[in-house]
PDB file of N, CA and C in Angstrom:
ATOM      1  N   UNK A   1      -7.114-102.754  15.687  1.00  0.00           N
ATOM      2  CA  UNK A   1      -7.514-101.474  14.537  1.00  0.00           C
ATOM      3  C   UNK A   1      -6.074-102.312  13.212  1.00  0.00           C
ATOM      4  N   UNK A   2      -4.966-102.304  13.839  1.00  0.00           N
ATOM      5  CA  UNK A   2      -3.698-103.421  13.520  1.00  0.00           C
ATOM      6  C   UNK A   2      -4.228-104.046  12.011  1.00  0.00           C
ATOM      7  N   UNK A   3      -5.487-105.767  12.779  1.00  0.00           N
ATOM      8  CA  UNK A   3      -6.034-106.981  12.094  1.00  0.00           C
ATOM      9  C   UNK A   3      -6.739-106.848  11.375  1.00  0.00           C
ATOM     10  N   UNK A   4      -7.171-105.590  11.020  1.00  0.00           N
ATOM     11  CA  UNK A   4      -9.117-104.799   9.999  1.00  0.00           C
ATOM     12  C   UNK A   4      -8.076-104.685   8.859  1.00  0.00           C
ATOM     13  N   UNK A   5      -7.043-103.624   8.976  1.00  0.00           N
ATOM     14  CA  UNK A   5      -6.694-103.093   7.438  1.00  0.00           C
ATOM     15  C   UNK A   5      -5.889-103.963   7.746  1.00  0.00           C
ATOM     16  N   UNK A   6      -5.417-105.873   8.027  1.00  0.00           N
ATOM     17  CA  UNK A   6      -4.317-106.628   7.625  1.00  0.00           C
ATOM     18  C   UNK A   6      -5.118-107.215   6.847  1.00  0.00           C
ATOM     19  N   UNK A   7      -6.852-107.628   7.365  1.00  0.00           N
ATOM     20  CA  UNK A   7      -7.177-107.961   6.877  1.00  0.00           C
ATOM     21  C   UNK A   7      -7.998-107.607   5.235  1.00  0.00           C
ATOM     22  N   UNK A   8      -8.207-106.690   5.781  1.00  0.00           N
ATOM     23  CA  UNK A   8      -8.659-105.690   4.369  1.00  0.00           C
ATOM     24  C   UNK A   8      -7.960-105.717   3.199  1.00  0.00           C
ATOM     25  N   UNK A   9      -6.615-105.556   3.196  1.00  0.00           N
ATOM     26  CA  UNK A   9      -5.685-105.664   2.134  1.00  0.00           C
ATOM     27  C   UNK A   9      -5.767-107.556   1.843  1.00  0.00           C
ATOM     28  N   UNK A  10      -5.046-108.820   2.664  1.00  0.00           N
ATOM     29  CA  UNK A  10      -5.275-109.383   1.762  1.00  0.00           C
ATOM     30  C   UNK A  10      -6.974-109.635   1.651  1.00  0.00           C
ATOM     31  N   UNK A  11      -8.286-109.309   1.723  1.00  0.00           N
ATOM     32  CA  UNK A  11      -9.618-109.173   0.537  1.00  0.00           C
ATOM     33  C   UNK A  11      -8.852-109.562  -0.420  1.00  0.00           C
ATOM     34  N   UNK A  12      -8.062-107.568  -0.510  1.00  0.00           N
ATOM     35  CA  UNK A  12      -7.859-106.728  -1.758  1.00  0.00           C
ATOM     36  C   UNK A  12      -7.484-107.479  -2.110  1.00  0.00           C
ATOM     37  N   UNK A  13      -6.198-108.448  -2.254  1.00  0.00           N
ATOM     38  CA  UNK A  13      -5.024-109.238  -2.777  1.00  0.00           C
ATOM     39  C   UNK A  13      -5.857-110.143  -3.467  1.00  0.00           C
ATOM     40  N   UNK A  14      -6.552-111.443  -2.607  1.00  0.00           N
ATOM     41  CA  UNK A  14      -7.493-111.988  -3.033  1.00  0.00           C
ATOM     42  C   UNK A  14      -8.570-112.207  -4.734  1.00  0.00           C
ATOM     43  N   UNK A  15      -8.937-110.966  -3.799  1.00  0.00           N
ATOM     44  CA  UNK A  15      -9.902-110.434  -4.974  1.00  0.00           C
ATOM     45  C   UNK A  15      -9.442-109.760  -6.605  1.00  0.00           C
ATOM     46  N   UNK A  16      -8.436-109.426  -6.484  1.00  0.00           N
ATOM     47  CA  UNK A  16      -7.148-109.067  -6.664  1.00  0.00           C
ATOM     48  C   UNK A  16      -6.761-110.278  -7.876  1.00  0.00           C
ATOM     49  N   UNK A  17      -6.092-111.253  -7.450  1.00  0.00           N
ATOM     50  CA  UNK A  17      -6.149-113.252  -7.785  1.00  0.00           C
ATOM     51  C   UNK A  17      -7.003-113.279  -8.529  1.00  0.00           C
ATOM     52  N   UNK A  18      -8.389-113.578  -8.132  1.00  0.00           N
ATOM     53  CA  UNK A  18      -9.923-114.352  -8.788  1.00  0.00           C
ATOM     54  C   UNK A  18      -9.645-112.602  -9.877  1.00  0.00           C
ATOM     55  N   UNK A  19      -9.630-111.896  -9.773  1.00  0.00           N
ATOM     56  CA  UNK A  19      -9.307-110.908 -11.148  1.00  0.00           C
ATOM     57  C   UNK A  19      -8.858-111.587 -12.484  1.00  0.00           C
ATOM     58  N   UNK A  20      -7.394-111.530 -12.169  1.00  0.00           N
ATOM     59  CA  UNK A  20      -6.661-111.952 -12.825  1.00  0.00           C
ATOM     60  C   UNK A  20      -7.256-112.822 -13.222  1.00  0.00           C
ATOM     61  N   UNK A  21      -7.047-113.893 -12.455  1.00  0.00           N
ATOM     62  CA  UNK A  21      -7.270-115.837 -13.566  1.00  0.00           C
ATOM     63  C   UNK A  21      -8.035-115.590 -14.113  1.00  0.00           C
ATOM     64  N   UNK A  22      -9.596-115.051 -13.965  1.00  0.00           N
ATOM     65  CA  UNK A  22     -10.900-114.564 -14.223  1.00  0.00           C
ATOM     66  C   UNK A  22     -10.554-113.664 -16.494  1.00  0.00           C
ATOM     67  N   UNK A  23     -10.195-112.948 -15.663  1.00  0.00           N
ATOM     68  CA  UNK A  23      -9.556-112.488 -17.279  1.00  0.00           C
ATOM     69  C   UNK A  23      -8.324-112.827 -18.151  1.00  0.00           C
ATOM     70  N   UNK A  24      -8.084-113.423 -17.984  1.00  0.00           N
ATOM     71  CA  UNK A  24      -6.379-114.838 -18.354  1.00  0.00           C
ATOM     72  C   UNK A  24      -7.631-115.933 -19.147  1.00  0.00           C
ATOM     73  N   UNK A  25      -8.308-116.512 -18.689  1.00  0.00           N
ATOM     74  CA  UNK A  25      -8.819-117.391 -19.791  1.00  0.00           C
ATOM     75  C   UNK A  25      -9.817-117.275 -20.745  1.00  0.00           C
ATOM     76  N   UNK A  26     -10.321-115.160 -20.030  1.00  0.00           N
ATOM     77  CA  UNK A  26     -11.687-115.221 -20.953  1.00  0.00           C
ATOM     78  C   UNK A  26     -11.070-116.022 -22.374  1.00  0.00           C
ATOM     79  N   UNK A  27     -12.143-116.132 -23.114  1.00  0.00           N
ATOM     80  CA  UNK A  27     -12.127-115.883 -25.117  1.00  0.00           C
ATOM     81  C   UNK A  27     -12.344-115.236 -25.237  1.00  0.00           C
ATOM     82  N   UNK A  28     -12.538-114.299 -26.701  1.00  0.00           N
ATOM     83  CA  UNK A  28     -13.231-112.409 -26.993  1.00  0.00           C
ATOM     84  C   UNK A  28     -14.039-113.311 -28.048  1.00  0.00           C
ATOM     85  N   UNK A  29     -15.248-113.591 -27.562  1.00  0.00           N
ATOM     86  CA  UNK A  29     -16.627-113.971 -28.136  1.00  0.00           C
ATOM     87  C   UNK A  29     -16.842-113.353 -29.750  1.00  0.00           C
ATOM     88  N   UNK A  30     -16.323-111.959 -29.430  1.00  0.00           N
ATOM     89  CA  UNK A  30     -17.097-110.914 -30.298  1.00  0.00           C
ATOM     90  C   UNK A  30     -16.171-110.258 -31.594  1.00  0.00           C
ATOM     91  N   UNK A  31     -15.007-111.056 -31.465  1.00  0.00           N
ATOM     92  CA  UNK A  31     -13.998-110.715 -32.379  1.00  0.00           C
ATOM     93  C   UNK A  31     -14.486-110.685 -34.672  1.00  0.00           C
ATOM     94  N   UNK A  32     -14.467-108.975 -34.480  1.00  0.00           N
ATOM     95  CA  UNK A  32     -14.864-108.894 -35.856  1.00  0.00           C
ATOM     96  C   UNK A  32     -13.789-109.226 -36.917  1.00  0.00           C
ATOM     97  N   UNK A  33     -13.805-110.093 -38.135  1.00  0.00           N
ATOM     98  CA  UNK A  33     -13.137-109.450 -38.908  1.00  0.00           C
ATOM     99  C   UNK A  33     -13.507-109.882 -39.748  1.00  0.00           C
ATOM    100  N   UNK A  34     -13.243-109.180 -41.538  1.00  0.00           N
ATOM    101  CA  UNK A  34     -13.528-108.809 -43.329  1.00  0.00           C
ATOM    102  C   UNK A  34     -12.655-110.010 -43.109  1.00  0.00           C
ATOM    103  N   UNK A  35     -13.466-111.411 -42.915  1.00  0.00           N
ATOM    104  CA  UNK A  35     -12.308-112.079 -43.993  1.00  0.00           C
ATOM    105  C   UNK A  35     -12.975-112.782 -45.474  1.00  0.00           C
ATOM    106  N   UNK A  36     -13.897-111.594 -46.648  1.00  0.00           N
ATOM    107  CA  UNK A  36     -14.010-111.447 -47.408  1.00  0.00           C
ATOM    108  C   UNK A  36     -13.760-109.667 -48.185  1.00  0.00           C
ATOM    109  N   UNK A  37     -13.191-109.425 -49.077  1.00  0.00           N
ATOM    110  CA  UNK A  37     -13.783-108.492 -49.734  1.00  0.00           C
ATOM    111  C   UNK A  37     -15.164-108.117 -49.506  1.00  0.00           C
ATOM    112  N   UNK A  38     -15.871-108.301 -50.210  1.00  0.00           N
ATOM    113  CA  UNK A  38     -17.409-107.892 -50.199  1.00  0.00           C
ATOM    114  C   UNK A  38     -17.749-107.428 -49.245  1.00  0.00           C
ATOM    115  N   UNK A  39     -17.309-107.698 -47.639  1.00  0.00           N
ATOM    116  CA  UNK A  39     -18.318-107.458 -46.749  1.00  0.00           C
ATOM    117  C   UNK A  39     -17.453-106.834 -46.088  1.00  0.00           C
ATOM    118  N   UNK A  40     -16.463-105.535 -47.204  1.00  0.00           N
ATOM    119  CA  UNK A  40     -16.116-103.724 -45.975  1.00  0.00           C
ATOM    120  C   UNK A  40     -16.980-103.511 -47.390  1.00  0.00           C
ATOM    121  N   UNK A  41     -16.735-102.561 -46.374  1.00  0.00           N
ATOM    122  CA  UNK A  41     -17.729-101.294 -46.871  1.00  0.00           C
ATOM    123  C   UNK A  41     -17.997-100.672 -47.629  1.00  0.00           C
ATOM    124  N   UNK A  42     -18.518 -99.716 -48.462  1.00  0.00           N
ATOM    125  CA  UNK A  42     -18.685 -99.779 -49.647  1.00  0.00           C
ATOM    126  C   UNK A  42     -18.097 -98.428 -49.669  1.00  0.00           C
ATOM    127  N   UNK A  43     -18.234 -97.020 -50.277  1.00  0.00           N
ATOM    128  CA  UNK A  43     -18.809 -95.838 -49.909  1.00  0.00           C
ATOM    129  C   UNK A  43     -19.607 -95.135 -50.926  1.00  0.00           C
ATOM    130  N   UNK A  44     -20.417 -94.718 -51.109  1.00  0.00           N
ATOM    131  CA  UNK A  44     -21.517 -94.347 -51.512  1.00  0.00           C
ATOM    132  C   UNK A  44     -21.145 -93.020 -52.423  1.00  0.00           C
ATOM    133  N   UNK A  45     -20.086 -91.774 -52.287  1.00  0.00           N
ATOM    134  CA  UNK A  45     -19.645 -90.994 -52.762  1.00  0.00           C
ATOM    135  C   UNK A  45     -18.833 -91.508 -54.112  1.00  0.00           C
ATOM    136  N   UNK A  46     -19.154 -90.793 -54.955  1.00  0.00           N
ATOM    137  CA  UNK A  46     -17.840 -90.842 -56.244  1.00  0.00           C
ATOM    138  C   UNK A  46     -16.528 -90.511 -55.986  1.00  0.00           C
ATOM    139  N   UNK A  47     -15.718 -90.938 -56.192  1.00  0.00           N
ATOM    140  CA  UNK A  47     -14.339 -90.958 -55.336  1.00  0.00           C
ATOM    141  C   UNK A  47     -13.275 -88.418 -55.971  1.00  0.00           C
ATOM    142  N   UNK A  48     -14.299 -88.820 -56.701  1.00  0.00           N
ATOM    143  CA  UNK A  48     -14.550 -87.512 -58.018  1.00  0.00           C
ATOM    144  C   UNK A  48     -14.646 -86.406 -57.865  1.00  0.00           C
ATOM    145  N   UNK A  49     -16.100 -87.033 -56.222  1.00  0.00           N
ATOM    146  CA  UNK A  49     -16.654 -85.966 -56.048  1.00  0.00           C
ATOM    147  C   UNK A  49     -16.322 -84.246 -55.476  1.00  0.00           C
ATOM    148  N   UNK A  50     -15.965 -83.310 -55.297  1.00  0.00           N
ATOM    149  CA  UNK A  50     -15.352 -82.300 -54.810  1.00  0.00           C
ATOM    150  C   UNK A  50     -15.835 -81.238 -53.763  1.00  0.00           C
ATOM    151  N   UNK A  51     -17.062 -81.960 -53.095  1.00  0.00           N
ATOM    152  CA  UNK A  51     -18.031 -81.595 -52.225  1.00  0.00           C
ATOM    153  C   UNK A  51     -17.991 -82.752 -51.559  1.00  0.00           C
ATOM    154  N   UNK A  52     -17.539 -84.303 -51.663  1.00  0.00           N
ATOM    155  CA  UNK A  52     -17.433 -85.139 -51.203  1.00  0.00           C
ATOM    156  C   UNK A  52     -18.618 -85.343 -50.159  1.00  0.00           C
ATOM    157  N   UNK A  53     -19.293 -85.710 -50.385  1.00  0.00           N
ATOM    158  CA  UNK A  53     -20.801 -86.333 -50.216  1.00  0.00           C
ATOM    159  C   UNK A  53     -20.917 -84.659 -49.198  1.00  0.00           C
ATOM    160  N   UNK A  54     -20.468 -83.984 -49.138  1.00  0.00           N
ATOM    161  CA  UNK A  54     -21.261 -83.001 -47.869  1.00  0.00           C
ATOM    162  C   UNK A  54     -19.994 -82.527 -47.137  1.00  0.00           C
ATOM    163  N   UNK A  55     -18.725 -83.498 -46.406  1.00  0.00           N
ATOM    164  CA  UNK A  55     -17.943 -83.233 -45.892  1.00  0.00           C
ATOM    165  C   UNK A  55     -17.413 -82.454 -46.317  1.00  0.00           C
ATOM    166  N   UNK A  56     -17.303 -81.468 -47.246  1.00  0.00           N
ATOM    167  CA  UNK A  56     -16.381 -80.148 -47.900  1.00  0.00           C
ATOM    168  C   UNK A  56     -16.703 -78.673 -47.087  1.00  0.00           C
ATOM    169  N   UNK A  57     -17.685 -78.628 -46.400  1.00  0.00           N
ATOM    170  CA  UNK A  57     -18.943 -77.452 -46.174  1.00  0.00           C
ATOM    171  C   UNK A  57     -18.612 -77.620 -44.956  1.00  0.00           C
ATOM    172  N   UNK A  58     -18.775 -76.110 -44.443  1.00  0.00           N
ATOM    173  CA  UNK A  58     -18.559 -76.931 -42.668  1.00  0.00           C
ATOM    174  C   UNK A  58     -20.356 -76.089 -42.312  1.00  0.00           C
TER     175      UNK A  58
END
């Protein structure tokens, strides 16, 4: 029984080491960056609207 537990612990350690090396070498592919101001979202409601596109009502 002692050997089974030790083998299981060794397998868990090796799996953790493999997962750590996989994530540390991974490069982010889907990085979202607004490179120009024209790419930023533009609000469609008037800034001085008291109703604020219906967000003020419950």
